[in-house]
Amino acid sequence: MTECYIRVAEDENEEPMEIPSEEDGTVLLSTVAAQFPGACGLRYRSPVSQCMRGVRLVEGVLHAPEADWGNLMYVVNYPKDNKRKMDEMDAASAVKIKRGVQKTSDLIVLGLPWKTSEQDLKDYFSTFGEVIMVQVKRDAKTGNSKGFGFVRFTEYETQAKVMTQRHMIDGRWCDCKLPNSKYFLEQAGPDEPMRSRKVFVGRCTEDMSADELRQFFMQYGEVTDVFIPKPFRAFAFVTFADDQVAQSLCGEDLIIKGTSVHISNAEPKHNNIQHLFSNFPGGSPSLAAMFEQSQYQFPSSHV
C-alpha cells in the first residue's frame, strides 16, 4: 500500500488537515500529535450507524478501520485532563466576554462639609468628566448631612483618576474611594443596601485550597481575600477589589480542578443568617452560628 493522506480535525465542524500515513497504510500517533499536541487517538463517525467509533491504536500506531481510511473525517481525541483544562479556559473566556469593558462603580466621598449639597458635589466632580449620579447621605429624621456621599462617573478612566487624589470641596479636604464594607456598616446603618464585592462559591471540594482558589479567580480581577470555613462545608467566599468583577461572575458555573462550582451573591451579614443556610445540604443552627462567629464581613454597594 502506498502512502496516502487522511483528513484530521479537532472538531467535526472545523476545516481538516491532511496527515500522511506510513507505507503500510498505518498512521503514527506521533505524526498526529506533531500537528495536534496532546492528541492520544482518533475517532470517526460511522456512515452506517452515525455513531462515533474509535480508531484502533496499538503501541503508538493507528490502524485504518476495515483496512481503508477512505474519505472520512477523523477527529482528534485528547486525554480527559487536557479536556478539563480546555473547558476551564472556555469557561473563563465566556465570563470575560460577558464582563466586557470595565464598568464604573459608585464611589464614596468621605469628609464632606455639612453644608455641601448634591448640586455642589455634581459641579465639583463634573470638572473631571461626565457624572451620572451624585448623592449626599442624610439623616432620615433630621435631614442633616451624614458627612459623606456618593458619585458615579460615565467613564472608568475618570473614576480611576479621581481616586488617585484628594479633593478640596467647600473648603475641606475629602477622599474619594471604592466603598469599604466596615465603614458602611458602621456609618450607613444595617438597612443601607450595598453592592457586594464578595461572592459565594458553592459545590467546592475538599482538595481545593485557598491559594488555588485565589490563583483561579485572579484571572478575572484582583482578589483581596479567600475564606474557606472550617470544618469543611463545601463552599467558600472570594473577595474582589472591584465589585463589578464580583457581580459579573454571579450566576456563573465555572470549572475548577475538574469540578463545576456555582458562583452567587454573598448576602449581607445583617440579613437573616439562618435563612441563608436553611436550604443548604447539612445546614443547621450550628453552621449559621459558626458563620456569624467567623467575623466575615459582607461588603455591598449603595443604591
C-alpha atoms as a PDB file:
ATOM      1  CA  MET A   1       0.000   0.000   0.000  1.00  0.00           C
ATOM      2  CA  THR A   2       1.406   3.413  -0.944  1.00  0.00           C
ATOM      3  CA  GLU A   3       1.462   6.498   1.261  1.00  0.00           C
ATOM      4  CA  CYS A   4      -1.839   8.361   1.471  1.00  0.00           C
ATOM      5  CA  TYR A   5      -3.266  11.272   3.415  1.00  0.00           C
ATOM      6  CA  ILE A   6      -6.152  11.181   5.856  1.00  0.00           C
ATOM      7  CA  ARG A   7      -8.297  14.128   6.908  1.00  0.00           C
ATOM      8  CA  VAL A   8      -7.968  15.038  10.594  1.00  0.00           C
ATOM      9  CA  ALA A   9      -9.512  17.884  12.639  1.00  0.00           C
ATOM     10  CA  GLU A  10     -10.068  18.798  16.295  1.00  0.00           C
ATOM     11  CA  ASP A  11     -13.818  19.010  15.689  1.00  0.00           C
ATOM     12  CA  GLU A  12     -16.191  17.713  13.030  1.00  0.00           C
ATOM     13  CA  ASN A  13     -17.178  21.262  12.089  1.00  0.00           C
ATOM     14  CA  GLU A  14     -13.623  22.514  11.616  1.00  0.00           C
ATOM     15  CA  GLU A  15     -11.548  22.556   8.460  1.00  0.00           C
ATOM     16  CA  PRO A  16      -9.463  19.351   8.398  1.00  0.00           C
ATOM     17  CA  MET A  17      -5.712  18.942   7.973  1.00  0.00           C
ATOM     18  CA  GLU A  18      -4.264  16.152   5.855  1.00  0.00           C
ATOM     19  CA  ILE A  19      -1.971  13.800   7.803  1.00  0.00           C
ATOM     20  CA  PRO A  20       0.356  11.389   5.919  1.00  0.00           C
ATOM     21  CA  SER A  21       0.190   7.652   6.521  1.00  0.00           C
ATOM     22  CA  GLU A  22       3.077   5.194   6.528  1.00  0.00           C
ATOM     23  CA  GLU A  23       3.846   2.924   3.572  1.00  0.00           C
ATOM     24  CA  ASP A  24       1.885   0.083   5.159  1.00  0.00           C
ATOM     25  CA  GLY A  25      -1.223   2.292   5.443  1.00  0.00           C
ATOM     26  CA  THR A  26      -0.986   2.911   9.201  1.00  0.00           C
ATOM     27  CA  VAL A  27      -0.645   6.313  10.835  1.00  0.00           C
ATOM     28  CA  LEU A  28       1.754   7.038  13.671  1.00  0.00           C
ATOM     29  CA  LEU A  29       0.246   8.693  16.712  1.00  0.00           C
ATOM     30  CA  SER A  30       3.382  10.856  16.873  1.00  0.00           C
ATOM     31  CA  THR A  31       2.537  12.180  13.391  1.00  0.00           C
ATOM     32  CA  VAL A  32      -0.897  13.234  14.598  1.00  0.00           C
ATOM     33  CA  ALA A  33       0.497  14.711  17.829  1.00  0.00           C
ATOM     34  CA  ALA A  34       3.013  16.764  15.846  1.00  0.00           C
ATOM     35  CA  GLN A  35       0.088  18.714  14.366  1.00  0.00           C
ATOM     36  CA  PHE A  36      -2.282  18.363  17.336  1.00  0.00           C
ATOM     37  CA  PRO A  37      -0.178  18.480  20.551  1.00  0.00           C
ATOM     38  CA  GLY A  38      -1.568  16.266  23.307  1.00  0.00           C
ATOM     39  CA  ALA A  39      -3.523  14.000  20.940  1.00  0.00           C
ATOM     40  CA  CYS A  40      -3.971  10.447  22.251  1.00  0.00           C
ATOM     41  CA  GLY A  41      -6.046   8.903  19.436  1.00  0.00           C
ATOM     42  CA  LEU A  42      -8.592   9.349  16.653  1.00  0.00           C
ATOM     43  CA  ARG A  43     -12.303   8.709  16.217  1.00  0.00           C
ATOM     44  CA  TYR A  44     -14.730   8.946  13.315  1.00  0.00           C
ATOM     45  CA  ARG A  45     -18.463   8.876  12.637  1.00  0.00           C
ATOM     46  CA  SER A  46     -19.710   5.632  11.133  1.00  0.00           C
ATOM     47  CA  PRO A  47     -21.543   6.192   7.805  1.00  0.00           C
ATOM     48  CA  VAL A  48     -23.854   3.296   8.711  1.00  0.00           C
ATOM     49  CA  SER A  49     -24.785   3.854  12.393  1.00  0.00           C
ATOM     50  CA  GLN A  50     -23.903   7.564  12.556  1.00  0.00           C
ATOM     51  CA  CYS A  51     -22.227   6.828  15.906  1.00  0.00           C
ATOM     52  CA  MET A  52     -18.684   7.834  16.775  1.00  0.00           C
ATOM     53  CA  ARG A  53     -16.157   4.988  16.567  1.00  0.00           C
ATOM     54  CA  GLY A  54     -12.604   4.854  17.892  1.00  0.00           C
ATOM     55  CA  VAL A  55      -9.640   4.031  15.662  1.00  0.00           C
ATOM     56  CA  ARG A  56      -7.591   1.047  16.864  1.00  0.00           C
ATOM     57  CA  LEU A  57      -4.305   2.118  18.478  1.00  0.00           C
ATOM     58  CA  VAL A  58      -1.540  -0.438  19.074  1.00  0.00           C
ATOM     59  CA  GLU A  59       1.819   0.635  20.516  1.00  0.00           C
ATOM     60  CA  GLY A  60       1.598   4.133  19.089  1.00  0.00           C
ATOM     61  CA  VAL A  61       0.329   3.006  15.677  1.00  0.00           C
ATOM     62  CA  LEU A  62      -3.184   3.832  14.378  1.00  0.00           C
ATOM     63  CA  HIS A  63      -4.768   1.221  12.124  1.00  0.00           C
ATOM     64  CA  ALA A  64      -7.284   2.080   9.412  1.00  0.00           C
ATOM     65  CA  PRO A  65     -10.840   0.884  10.036  1.00  0.00           C
ATOM     66  CA  GLU A  66     -11.601  -2.075   7.764  1.00  0.00           C
ATOM     67  CA  ALA A  67      -8.096  -1.641   6.272  1.00  0.00           C
ATOM     68  CA  ASP A  68      -9.061   1.575   4.468  1.00  0.00           C
ATOM     69  CA  TRP A  69      -9.036   5.149   5.724  1.00  0.00           C
ATOM     70  CA  GLY A  70     -11.422   6.159   2.950  1.00  0.00           C
ATOM     71  CA  ASN A  71     -12.611   9.749   2.681  1.00  0.00           C
ATOM     72  CA  LEU A  72     -13.861  10.001   6.245  1.00  0.00           C
ATOM     73  CA  MET A  73     -13.184  12.864   8.609  1.00  0.00           C
ATOM     74  CA  TYR A  74     -11.198  11.795  11.699  1.00  0.00           C
ATOM     75  CA  VAL A  75     -11.476  13.730  14.930  1.00  0.00           C
ATOM     76  CA  VAL A  76      -8.638  14.045  17.453  1.00  0.00           C
ATOM     77  CA  ASN A  77      -9.015  12.544  20.938  1.00  0.00           C
ATOM     78  CA  TYR A  78      -7.413  14.227  23.949  1.00  0.00           C
ATOM     79  CA  PRO A  79      -6.846  12.922  27.496  1.00  0.00           C
ATOM     80  CA  LYS A  80      -9.593  13.852  29.972  1.00  0.00           C
ATOM     81  CA  ASP A  81      -7.237  16.095  31.962  1.00  0.00           C
ATOM     82  CA  ASN A  82      -6.452  18.114  28.845  1.00  0.00           C
ATOM     83  CA  LYS A  83     -10.147  18.379  28.070  1.00  0.00           C
ATOM     84  CA  ARG A  84     -10.826  19.678  31.561  1.00  0.00           C
ATOM     85  CA  LYS A  85      -8.165  22.343  31.153  1.00  0.00           C
ATOM     86  CA  MET A  86      -9.681  23.378  27.845  1.00  0.00           C
ATOM     87  CA  ASP A  87     -13.149  23.520  29.458  1.00  0.00           C
ATOM     88  CA  GLU A  88     -11.755  25.762  32.209  1.00  0.00           C
ATOM     89  CA  MET A  89     -10.240  28.074  29.614  1.00  0.00           C
ATOM     90  CA  ASP A  90     -13.520  28.162  27.652  1.00  0.00           C
ATOM     91  CA  ALA A  91     -15.486  28.979  30.803  1.00  0.00           C
ATOM     92  CA  ALA A  92     -13.057  31.745  31.732  1.00  0.00           C
ATOM     93  CA  SER A  93     -13.226  33.209  28.227  1.00  0.00           C
ATOM     94  CA  ALA A  94     -17.017  33.172  28.279  1.00  0.00           C
ATOM     95  CA  VAL A  95     -17.139  35.115  31.541  1.00  0.00           C
ATOM     96  CA  LYS A  96     -14.546  37.614  30.323  1.00  0.00           C
ATOM     97  CA  ILE A  97     -16.622  38.241  27.206  1.00  0.00           C
ATOM     98  CA  LYS A  98     -19.691  38.671  29.377  1.00  0.00           C
ATOM     99  CA  ARG A  99     -17.871  41.201  31.532  1.00  0.00           C
ATOM    100  CA  GLY A 100     -16.785  43.173  28.503  1.00  0.00           C
ATOM    101  CA  VAL A 101     -15.471  46.692  29.037  1.00  0.00           C
ATOM    102  CA  GLN A 102     -14.737  47.750  32.613  1.00  0.00           C
ATOM    103  CA  LYS A 103     -17.709  49.491  34.162  1.00  0.00           C
ATOM    104  CA  THR A 104     -17.694  52.267  36.713  1.00  0.00           C
ATOM    105  CA  SER A 105     -18.691  51.819  40.361  1.00  0.00           C
ATOM    106  CA  ASP A 106     -20.333  54.054  42.911  1.00  0.00           C
ATOM    107  CA  LEU A 107     -17.568  55.857  44.807  1.00  0.00           C
ATOM    108  CA  ILE A 108     -17.908  57.062  48.364  1.00  0.00           C
ATOM    109  CA  VAL A 109     -16.885  60.651  49.106  1.00  0.00           C
ATOM    110  CA  LEU A 110     -15.681  60.948  52.725  1.00  0.00           C
ATOM    111  CA  GLY A 111     -15.316  64.088  54.826  1.00  0.00           C
ATOM    112  CA  LEU A 112     -17.949  66.262  53.162  1.00  0.00           C
ATOM    113  CA  PRO A 113     -18.751  69.591  54.855  1.00  0.00           C
ATOM    114  CA  TRP A 114     -22.253  69.637  56.381  1.00  0.00           C
ATOM    115  CA  LYS A 115     -23.304  72.415  54.012  1.00  0.00           C
ATOM    116  CA  THR A 116     -22.354  70.585  50.773  1.00  0.00           C
ATOM    117  CA  SER A 117     -25.382  69.857  48.594  1.00  0.00           C
ATOM    118  CA  GLU A 118     -25.791  67.332  45.792  1.00  0.00           C
ATOM    119  CA  GLN A 119     -25.542  70.154  43.249  1.00  0.00           C
ATOM    120  CA  ASP A 120     -22.247  71.294  44.830  1.00  0.00           C
ATOM    121  CA  LEU A 121     -20.966  67.736  44.580  1.00  0.00           C
ATOM    122  CA  LYS A 122     -22.005  67.427  40.938  1.00  0.00           C
ATOM    123  CA  ASP A 123     -20.492  70.789  39.983  1.00  0.00           C
ATOM    124  CA  TYR A 124     -17.161  69.827  41.517  1.00  0.00           C
ATOM    125  CA  PHE A 125     -16.811  66.343  40.052  1.00  0.00           C
ATOM    126  CA  SER A 126     -18.082  67.399  36.616  1.00  0.00           C
ATOM    127  CA  THR A 127     -14.722  69.102  36.142  1.00  0.00           C
ATOM    128  CA  PHE A 128     -13.166  65.600  35.875  1.00  0.00           C
ATOM    129  CA  GLY A 129     -15.706  64.076  33.497  1.00  0.00           C
ATOM    130  CA  GLU A 130     -19.360  63.264  32.946  1.00  0.00           C
ATOM    131  CA  VAL A 131     -21.208  62.495  36.189  1.00  0.00           C
ATOM    132  CA  ILE A 132     -24.222  60.186  36.044  1.00  0.00           C
ATOM    133  CA  MET A 133     -25.125  60.146  39.750  1.00  0.00           C
ATOM    134  CA  VAL A 134     -24.448  62.093  42.966  1.00  0.00           C
ATOM    135  CA  GLN A 135     -25.985  61.672  46.392  1.00  0.00           C
ATOM    136  CA  VAL A 136     -25.388  63.201  49.806  1.00  0.00           C
ATOM    137  CA  LYS A 137     -26.426  60.842  52.607  1.00  0.00           C
ATOM    138  CA  ARG A 138     -28.694  62.496  55.170  1.00  0.00           C
ATOM    139  CA  ASP A 139     -30.211  61.508  58.472  1.00  0.00           C
ATOM    140  CA  ALA A 140     -33.742  60.231  57.900  1.00  0.00           C
ATOM    141  CA  LYS A 141     -35.137  62.150  60.898  1.00  0.00           C
ATOM    142  CA  THR A 142     -33.278  65.479  60.851  1.00  0.00           C
ATOM    143  CA  GLY A 143     -32.379  65.722  57.183  1.00  0.00           C
ATOM    144  CA  ASN A 144     -28.848  66.772  58.137  1.00  0.00           C
ATOM    145  CA  SER A 145     -25.891  65.519  56.107  1.00  0.00           C
ATOM    146  CA  LYS A 146     -24.049  62.486  57.488  1.00  0.00           C
ATOM    147  CA  GLY A 147     -20.773  63.886  56.146  1.00  0.00           C
ATOM    148  CA  PHE A 148     -20.390  61.536  53.218  1.00  0.00           C
ATOM    149  CA  GLY A 149     -21.948  60.906  49.823  1.00  0.00           C
ATOM    150  CA  PHE A 150     -21.617  59.052  46.542  1.00  0.00           C
ATOM    151  CA  VAL A 151     -20.632  59.839  42.990  1.00  0.00           C
ATOM    152  CA  ARG A 152     -20.568  57.780  39.820  1.00  0.00           C
ATOM    153  CA  PHE A 153     -18.904  58.631  36.505  1.00  0.00           C
ATOM    154  CA  THR A 154     -19.624  57.534  32.958  1.00  0.00           C
ATOM    155  CA  GLU A 155     -16.014  56.634  32.112  1.00  0.00           C
ATOM    156  CA  TYR A 156     -13.851  54.181  34.039  1.00  0.00           C
ATOM    157  CA  GLU A 157     -10.754  56.279  33.289  1.00  0.00           C
ATOM    158  CA  THR A 158     -12.347  59.249  35.037  1.00  0.00           C
ATOM    159  CA  GLN A 159     -13.127  57.115  38.068  1.00  0.00           C
ATOM    160  CA  ALA A 160      -9.526  55.894  38.253  1.00  0.00           C
ATOM    161  CA  LYS A 161      -8.183  59.448  38.028  1.00  0.00           C
ATOM    162  CA  VAL A 162     -10.492  60.769  40.753  1.00  0.00           C
ATOM    163  CA  MET A 163      -9.422  58.003  43.149  1.00  0.00           C
ATOM    164  CA  THR A 164      -5.727  58.888  42.859  1.00  0.00           C
ATOM    165  CA  GLN A 165      -6.016  62.290  44.558  1.00  0.00           C
ATOM    166  CA  ARG A 166      -7.625  64.188  47.437  1.00  0.00           C
ATOM    167  CA  HIS A 167     -10.330  66.765  46.755  1.00  0.00           C
ATOM    168  CA  MET A 168     -10.937  70.235  48.204  1.00  0.00           C
ATOM    169  CA  ILE A 169     -14.737  70.566  48.387  1.00  0.00           C
ATOM    170  CA  ASP A 170     -16.284  73.647  50.007  1.00  0.00           C
ATOM    171  CA  GLY A 171     -13.044  74.374  51.866  1.00  0.00           C
ATOM    172  CA  ARG A 172     -12.448  70.877  53.200  1.00  0.00           C
ATOM    173  CA  TRP A 173     -10.212  68.013  52.028  1.00  0.00           C
ATOM    174  CA  CYS A 174     -12.234  64.949  51.040  1.00  0.00           C
ATOM    175  CA  ASP A 175     -11.325  61.428  49.957  1.00  0.00           C
ATOM    176  CA  CYS A 176     -12.985  59.521  47.136  1.00  0.00           C
ATOM    177  CA  LYS A 177     -12.656  55.732  47.048  1.00  0.00           C
ATOM    178  CA  LEU A 178     -14.422  52.427  46.463  1.00  0.00           C
ATOM    179  CA  PRO A 179     -16.882  51.586  49.256  1.00  0.00           C
ATOM    180  CA  ASN A 180     -15.425  49.920  52.341  1.00  0.00           C
ATOM    181  CA  SER A 181     -17.795  47.459  53.945  1.00  0.00           C
ATOM    182  CA  LYS A 182     -16.802  48.109  57.566  1.00  0.00           C
ATOM    183  CA  TYR A 183     -17.243  51.842  57.189  1.00  0.00           C
ATOM    184  CA  PHE A 184     -20.651  51.381  55.601  1.00  0.00           C
ATOM    185  CA  LEU A 185     -21.929  49.015  58.254  1.00  0.00           C
ATOM    186  CA  GLU A 186     -20.882  51.459  60.972  1.00  0.00           C
ATOM    187  CA  GLN A 187     -21.865  54.732  59.295  1.00  0.00           C
ATOM    188  CA  ALA A 188     -24.672  53.900  56.900  1.00  0.00           C
ATOM    189  CA  GLY A 189     -26.509  51.543  59.262  1.00  0.00           C
ATOM    190  CA  PRO A 190     -27.786  47.987  58.805  1.00  0.00           C
ATOM    191  CA  ASP A 191     -30.521  48.982  56.370  1.00  0.00           C
ATOM    192  CA  GLU A 192     -28.180  50.650  53.856  1.00  0.00           C
ATOM    193  CA  PRO A 193     -28.164  48.472  50.672  1.00  0.00           C
ATOM    194  CA  MET A 194     -24.749  47.985  49.101  1.00  0.00           C
ATOM    195  CA  ARG A 195     -23.305  46.014  46.179  1.00  0.00           C
ATOM    196  CA  SER A 196     -21.140  43.099  47.275  1.00  0.00           C
ATOM    197  CA  ARG A 197     -17.513  42.591  46.322  1.00  0.00           C
ATOM    198  CA  LYS A 198     -17.645  39.074  47.784  1.00  0.00           C
ATOM    199  CA  VAL A 199     -19.069  36.034  46.031  1.00  0.00           C
ATOM    200  CA  PHE A 200     -20.295  32.702  47.364  1.00  0.00           C
ATOM    201  CA  VAL A 201     -18.577  29.715  45.697  1.00  0.00           C
ATOM    202  CA  GLY A 202     -20.755  26.619  46.051  1.00  0.00           C
ATOM    203  CA  ARG A 203     -20.010  22.922  45.372  1.00  0.00           C
ATOM    204  CA  CYS A 204     -16.350  23.177  46.384  1.00  0.00           C
ATOM    205  CA  THR A 205     -14.360  20.012  47.042  1.00  0.00           C
ATOM    206  CA  GLU A 206     -12.007  19.373  49.952  1.00  0.00           C
ATOM    207  CA  ASP A 207      -8.932  19.313  47.710  1.00  0.00           C
ATOM    208  CA  MET A 208      -9.430  22.987  46.766  1.00  0.00           C
ATOM    209  CA  SER A 209      -7.097  25.168  48.832  1.00  0.00           C
ATOM    210  CA  ALA A 210      -7.411  28.911  49.444  1.00  0.00           C
ATOM    211  CA  ASP A 211      -4.295  29.523  47.335  1.00  0.00           C
ATOM    212  CA  GLU A 212      -5.717  27.517  44.434  1.00  0.00           C
ATOM    213  CA  LEU A 213      -8.987  29.441  44.559  1.00  0.00           C
ATOM    214  CA  ARG A 214      -7.077  32.715  44.710  1.00  0.00           C
ATOM    215  CA  GLN A 215      -4.962  31.792  41.668  1.00  0.00           C
ATOM    216  CA  PHE A 216      -8.040  30.717  39.706  1.00  0.00           C
ATOM    217  CA  PHE A 217     -10.109  33.836  40.392  1.00  0.00           C
ATOM    218  CA  MET A 218      -7.193  36.227  39.828  1.00  0.00           C
ATOM    219  CA  GLN A 219      -7.737  35.753  36.084  1.00  0.00           C
ATOM    220  CA  TYR A 220     -10.928  37.835  36.460  1.00  0.00           C
ATOM    221  CA  GLY A 221      -9.585  40.604  38.678  1.00  0.00           C
ATOM    222  CA  GLU A 222      -7.652  41.440  41.847  1.00  0.00           C
ATOM    223  CA  VAL A 223      -8.549  39.105  44.717  1.00  0.00           C
ATOM    224  CA  THR A 224      -8.239  40.557  48.218  1.00  0.00           C
ATOM    225  CA  ASP A 225      -9.426  37.608  50.312  1.00  0.00           C
ATOM    226  CA  VAL A 226     -10.401  33.920  50.163  1.00  0.00           C
ATOM    227  CA  PHE A 227     -12.316  32.343  53.040  1.00  0.00           C
ATOM    228  CA  ILE A 228     -12.931  28.567  53.409  1.00  0.00           C
ATOM    229  CA  PRO A 229     -14.926  27.631  56.538  1.00  0.00           C
ATOM    230  CA  LYS A 230     -13.546  25.005  58.912  1.00  0.00           C
ATOM    231  CA  PRO A 231     -14.726  22.328  59.293  1.00  0.00           C
ATOM    232  CA  PHE A 232     -15.188  21.962  55.554  1.00  0.00           C
ATOM    233  CA  ARG A 233     -18.716  22.810  54.345  1.00  0.00           C
ATOM    234  CA  ALA A 234     -18.391  22.517  50.544  1.00  0.00           C
ATOM    235  CA  PHE A 235     -18.380  26.278  49.958  1.00  0.00           C
ATOM    236  CA  ALA A 236     -16.046  29.268  50.080  1.00  0.00           C
ATOM    237  CA  PHE A 237     -16.080  33.044  49.753  1.00  0.00           C
ATOM    238  CA  VAL A 238     -13.899  35.102  47.433  1.00  0.00           C
ATOM    239  CA  THR A 239     -13.484  38.871  47.744  1.00  0.00           C
ATOM    240  CA  PHE A 240     -12.531  41.055  44.776  1.00  0.00           C
ATOM    241  CA  ALA A 241     -11.171  44.590  44.820  1.00  0.00           C
ATOM    242  CA  ASP A 242     -13.779  45.610  42.243  1.00  0.00           C
ATOM    243  CA  ASP A 243     -17.482  44.982  42.874  1.00  0.00           C
ATOM    244  CA  GLN A 244     -18.089  44.919  39.117  1.00  0.00           C
ATOM    245  CA  VAL A 245     -15.914  41.818  38.797  1.00  0.00           C
ATOM    246  CA  ALA A 246     -17.821  40.098  41.591  1.00  0.00           C
ATOM    247  CA  GLN A 247     -21.207  40.941  40.097  1.00  0.00           C
ATOM    248  CA  SER A 248     -20.177  39.789  36.619  1.00  0.00           C
ATOM    249  CA  LEU A 249     -19.379  36.319  37.946  1.00  0.00           C
ATOM    250  CA  CYS A 250     -22.651  35.828  39.832  1.00  0.00           C
ATOM    251  CA  GLY A 251     -24.802  33.135  38.274  1.00  0.00           C
ATOM    252  CA  GLU A 252     -21.856  31.509  36.501  1.00  0.00           C
ATOM    253  CA  ASP A 253     -20.880  27.832  36.652  1.00  0.00           C
ATOM    254  CA  LEU A 254     -17.078  27.590  36.484  1.00  0.00           C
ATOM    255  CA  ILE A 255     -14.763  24.581  36.247  1.00  0.00           C
ATOM    256  CA  ILE A 256     -12.110  24.385  38.984  1.00  0.00           C
ATOM    257  CA  LYS A 257      -9.872  21.301  39.170  1.00  0.00           C
ATOM    258  CA  GLY A 258     -12.365  19.390  37.051  1.00  0.00           C
ATOM    259  CA  THR A 259     -15.329  20.284  39.300  1.00  0.00           C
ATOM    260  CA  SER A 260     -18.228  22.565  38.403  1.00  0.00           C
ATOM    261  CA  VAL A 261     -18.722  25.257  41.050  1.00  0.00           C
ATOM    262  CA  HIS A 262     -21.564  27.779  41.165  1.00  0.00           C
ATOM    263  CA  ILE A 263     -20.985  31.481  41.854  1.00  0.00           C
ATOM    264  CA  SER A 264     -23.658  33.572  43.557  1.00  0.00           C
ATOM    265  CA  ASN A 265     -24.063  36.724  45.625  1.00  0.00           C
ATOM    266  CA  ALA A 266     -22.777  36.761  49.198  1.00  0.00           C
ATOM    267  CA  GLU A 267     -25.684  38.062  51.242  1.00  0.00           C
ATOM    268  CA  PRO A 268     -25.052  40.847  53.779  1.00  0.00           C
ATOM    269  CA  LYS A 269     -24.178  39.702  57.270  1.00  0.00           C
ATOM    270  CA  HIS A 270     -27.001  41.719  58.775  1.00  0.00           C
ATOM    271  CA  ASN A 271     -29.528  39.716  56.718  1.00  0.00           C
ATOM    272  CA  ASN A 272     -31.039  36.591  58.188  1.00  0.00           C
ATOM    273  CA  ILE A 273     -28.099  34.172  58.520  1.00  0.00           C
ATOM    274  CA  GLN A 274     -30.383  31.293  59.447  1.00  0.00           C
ATOM    275  CA  HIS A 275     -32.272  31.806  56.176  1.00  0.00           C
ATOM    276  CA  LEU A 276     -29.016  31.783  54.209  1.00  0.00           C
ATOM    277  CA  PHE A 277     -28.285  28.210  55.348  1.00  0.00           C
ATOM    278  CA  SER A 278     -31.829  26.867  55.714  1.00  0.00           C
ATOM    279  CA  ASN A 279     -31.818  25.166  52.318  1.00  0.00           C
ATOM    280  CA  PHE A 280     -28.144  24.226  52.285  1.00  0.00           C
ATOM    281  CA  PRO A 281     -27.404  20.469  52.486  1.00  0.00           C
ATOM    282  CA  GLY A 282     -26.335  19.704  56.039  1.00  0.00           C
ATOM    283  CA  GLY A 283     -27.369  23.184  57.126  1.00  0.00           C
ATOM    284  CA  SER A 284     -28.017  23.651  60.819  1.00  0.00           C
ATOM    285  CA  PRO A 285     -28.191  26.343  63.514  1.00  0.00           C
ATOM    286  CA  SER A 286     -24.619  25.461  64.464  1.00  0.00           C
ATOM    287  CA  LEU A 287     -23.498  26.172  60.898  1.00  0.00           C
ATOM    288  CA  ALA A 288     -25.176  29.566  60.968  1.00  0.00           C
ATOM    289  CA  ALA A 289     -23.612  30.310  64.358  1.00  0.00           C
ATOM    290  CA  MET A 290     -20.175  29.287  63.073  1.00  0.00           C
ATOM    291  CA  PHE A 291     -20.644  31.574  60.127  1.00  0.00           C
ATOM    292  CA  GLU A 292     -21.613  34.561  62.270  1.00  0.00           C
ATOM    293  CA  GLN A 293     -18.647  33.950  64.569  1.00  0.00           C
ATOM    294  CA  SER A 294     -16.235  33.934  61.625  1.00  0.00           C
ATOM    295  CA  GLN A 295     -16.272  37.756  61.627  1.00  0.00           C
ATOM    296  CA  TYR A 296     -16.750  37.563  57.901  1.00  0.00           C
ATOM    297  CA  GLN A 297     -17.789  40.989  56.611  1.00  0.00           C
ATOM    298  CA  PHE A 298     -20.035  41.274  53.550  1.00  0.00           C
ATOM    299  CA  PRO A 299     -19.459  44.432  51.560  1.00  0.00           C
ATOM    300  CA  SER A 300     -22.194  45.755  49.343  1.00  0.00           C
ATOM    301  CA  SER A 301     -22.907  48.935  47.455  1.00  0.00           C
ATOM    302  CA  HIS A 302     -25.477  51.634  47.997  1.00  0.00           C
ATOM    303  CA  VAL A 303     -28.292  52.145  45.527  1.00  0.00           C
END
